[in-house]
C-alpha atoms as a PDB file:
ATOM      1  CA  MET A   1     -29.563   1.370  12.014  1.00  0.00           C
ATOM      2  CA  SER A   2     -26.784   2.321   9.592  1.00  0.00           C
ATOM      3  CA  PRO A   3     -26.488   0.837   6.097  1.00  0.00           C
ATOM      4  CA  VAL A   4     -24.383  -2.307   5.767  1.00  0.00           C
ATOM      5  CA  ASN A   5     -22.062  -0.754   3.160  1.00  0.00           C
ATOM      6  CA  GLU A   6     -21.293   2.291   5.277  1.00  0.00           C
ATOM      7  CA  SER A   7     -17.541   2.708   5.637  1.00  0.00           C
ATOM      8  CA  LEU A   8     -15.779   2.631   8.991  1.00  0.00           C
ATOM      9  CA  PHE A   9     -13.473   5.337   7.649  1.00  0.00           C
ATOM     10  CA  GLU A  10     -14.152   8.927   6.769  1.00  0.00           C
ATOM     11  CA  PHE A  11     -12.728   9.746   3.363  1.00  0.00           C
ATOM     12  CA  PRO A  12     -10.454  11.285   2.343  1.00  0.00           C
ATOM     13  CA  CYS A  13      -8.010   9.903   4.896  1.00  0.00           C
ATOM     14  CA  ASP A  14      -4.392   8.822   5.258  1.00  0.00           C
ATOM     15  CA  PHE A  15      -4.331   5.036   5.227  1.00  0.00           C
ATOM     16  CA  PRO A  16      -1.293   2.831   5.998  1.00  0.00           C
ATOM     17  CA  ILE A  17      -0.857  -0.258   3.819  1.00  0.00           C
ATOM     18  CA  LYS A  18       1.684  -2.984   4.554  1.00  0.00           C
ATOM     19  CA  VAL A  19       3.262  -4.522   1.459  1.00  0.00           C
ATOM     20  CA  MET A  20       5.558  -7.547   1.683  1.00  0.00           C
ATOM     21  CA  GLY A  21       7.677  -9.242  -0.941  1.00  0.00           C
ATOM     22  CA  LYS A  22      10.990 -10.970  -1.595  1.00  0.00           C
ATOM     23  CA  SER A  23      14.029  -8.769  -1.152  1.00  0.00           C
ATOM     24  CA  HIS A  24      14.943  -7.179  -4.478  1.00  0.00           C
ATOM     25  CA  PRO A  25      16.962  -4.027  -5.232  1.00  0.00           C
ATOM     26  CA  ASP A  26      13.981  -2.487  -7.079  1.00  0.00           C
ATOM     27  CA  PHE A  27      11.196  -3.541  -4.689  1.00  0.00           C
ATOM     28  CA  THR A  28      10.730  -0.182  -2.953  1.00  0.00           C
ATOM     29  CA  GLU A  29      10.921   1.828  -6.182  1.00  0.00           C
ATOM     30  CA  THR A  30       8.434  -0.530  -7.837  1.00  0.00           C
ATOM     31  CA  ILE A  31       5.927  -0.187  -4.993  1.00  0.00           C
ATOM     32  CA  ILE A  32       6.330   3.603  -5.081  1.00  0.00           C
ATOM     33  CA  ALA A  33       5.550   3.596  -8.822  1.00  0.00           C
ATOM     34  CA  VAL A  34       2.402   1.511  -8.281  1.00  0.00           C
ATOM     35  CA  VAL A  35       1.146   3.733  -5.461  1.00  0.00           C
ATOM     36  CA  GLN A  36       1.901   6.948  -7.373  1.00  0.00           C
ATOM     37  CA  GLN A  37      -0.461   5.812 -10.138  1.00  0.00           C
ATOM     38  CA  PHE A  38      -3.270   6.338  -7.604  1.00  0.00           C
ATOM     39  CA  ASP A  39      -1.824   8.989  -5.277  1.00  0.00           C
ATOM     40  CA  ALA A  40       0.190  11.645  -7.123  1.00  0.00           C
ATOM     41  CA  GLY A  41       0.998  13.391  -3.837  1.00  0.00           C
ATOM     42  CA  PHE A  42       2.368  10.221  -2.216  1.00  0.00           C
ATOM     43  CA  ASP A  43       5.134  11.146   0.242  1.00  0.00           C
ATOM     44  CA  VAL A  44       8.006   8.680  -0.210  1.00  0.00           C
ATOM     45  CA  ALA A  45       9.639  10.042   2.950  1.00  0.00           C
ATOM     46  CA  ARG A  46       6.872   8.387   4.983  1.00  0.00           C
ATOM     47  CA  ILE A  47       7.691   4.834   3.843  1.00  0.00           C
ATOM     48  CA  GLU A  48       8.729   2.506   6.646  1.00  0.00           C
ATOM     49  CA  THR A  49      10.978  -0.393   5.618  1.00  0.00           C
ATOM     50  CA  ARG A  50      11.510  -3.582   7.611  1.00  0.00           C
ATOM     51  CA  PRO A  51      13.673  -6.414   6.288  1.00  0.00           C
ATOM     52  CA  SER A  52      12.898  -9.932   7.548  1.00  0.00           C
ATOM     53  CA  SER A  53      15.281 -11.469  10.073  1.00  0.00           C
ATOM     54  CA  GLY A  54      16.775 -13.703   7.371  1.00  0.00           C
ATOM     55  CA  GLY A  55      16.958 -10.866   4.873  1.00  0.00           C
ATOM     56  CA  ASN A  56      14.961 -12.790   2.259  1.00  0.00           C
ATOM     57  CA  TYR A  57      11.872 -10.582   2.476  1.00  0.00           C
ATOM     58  CA  VAL A  58      11.128  -6.927   3.001  1.00  0.00           C
ATOM     59  CA  GLY A  59       8.053  -5.246   4.419  1.00  0.00           C
ATOM     60  CA  LEU A  60       7.031  -1.712   3.534  1.00  0.00           C
ATOM     61  CA  THR A  61       4.416   0.436   5.182  1.00  0.00           C
ATOM     62  CA  VAL A  62       3.156   2.999   2.687  1.00  0.00           C
ATOM     63  CA  THR A  63       0.656   5.642   3.766  1.00  0.00           C
ATOM     64  CA  VAL A  64      -1.668   6.655   0.953  1.00  0.00           C
ATOM     65  CA  ARG A  65      -4.259   9.403   0.723  1.00  0.00           C
ATOM     66  CA  ALA A  66      -7.429   7.394   0.146  1.00  0.00           C
ATOM     67  CA  LEU A  67     -10.202   9.448  -1.444  1.00  0.00           C
ATOM     68  CA  SER A  68     -12.916   6.783  -1.201  1.00  0.00           C
ATOM     69  CA  ARG A  69     -13.424   3.109  -0.468  1.00  0.00           C
ATOM     70  CA  GLU A  70     -13.281   2.417  -4.211  1.00  0.00           C
ATOM     71  CA  HIS A  71      -9.988   4.325  -4.501  1.00  0.00           C
ATOM     72  CA  LEU A  72      -8.506   2.282  -1.654  1.00  0.00           C
ATOM     73  CA  ASP A  73      -9.761  -0.956  -3.242  1.00  0.00           C
ATOM     74  CA  ASP A  74      -8.106   0.037  -6.542  1.00  0.00           C
ATOM     75  CA  ILE A  75      -4.780   0.571  -4.762  1.00  0.00           C
ATOM     76  CA  TYR A  76      -5.066  -2.808  -3.005  1.00  0.00           C
ATOM     77  CA  ARG A  77      -5.904  -4.564  -6.284  1.00  0.00           C
ATOM     78  CA  ALA A  78      -2.920  -3.002  -8.052  1.00  0.00           C
ATOM     79  CA  LEU A  79      -0.559  -3.994  -5.243  1.00  0.00           C
ATOM     80  CA  THR A  80      -1.863  -7.542  -4.772  1.00  0.00           C
ATOM     81  CA  GLY A  81      -1.757  -8.102  -8.536  1.00  0.00           C
ATOM     82  CA  HIS A  82       1.891  -7.094  -8.852  1.00  0.00           C
ATOM     83  CA  PRO A  83       4.267 -10.053  -9.344  1.00  0.00           C
ATOM     84  CA  MET A  84       6.840  -8.713  -6.836  1.00  0.00           C
ATOM     85  CA  VAL A  85       4.264  -8.531  -4.030  1.00  0.00           C
ATOM     86  CA  SER A  86       3.626 -11.523  -1.768  1.00  0.00           C
ATOM     87  CA  VAL A  87       1.181 -10.027   0.780  1.00  0.00           C
ATOM     88  CA  VAL A  88      -0.765  -6.795   1.215  1.00  0.00           C
ATOM     89  CA  LEU A  89      -2.371  -5.945   4.565  1.00  0.00           C
END
């Protein structure tokens, strides 16, 4: 039997994270700055942007290079703690 804390992912790996927040002219640039604190090689060309149907919110899919479970958790904590971010999946 495998240990309970064993990860389902093999690290390092590319990991997509969905980040949603209210539409704001600086939202994408702000999220890029947060992610780059943890992933210096982050490729901004791989960001997928989806505005909500009403245009009040925007969703970004950012693909990070996660080096470990702890690294990924740090990225999630930084994103969820940012005041411009409503949801991180």
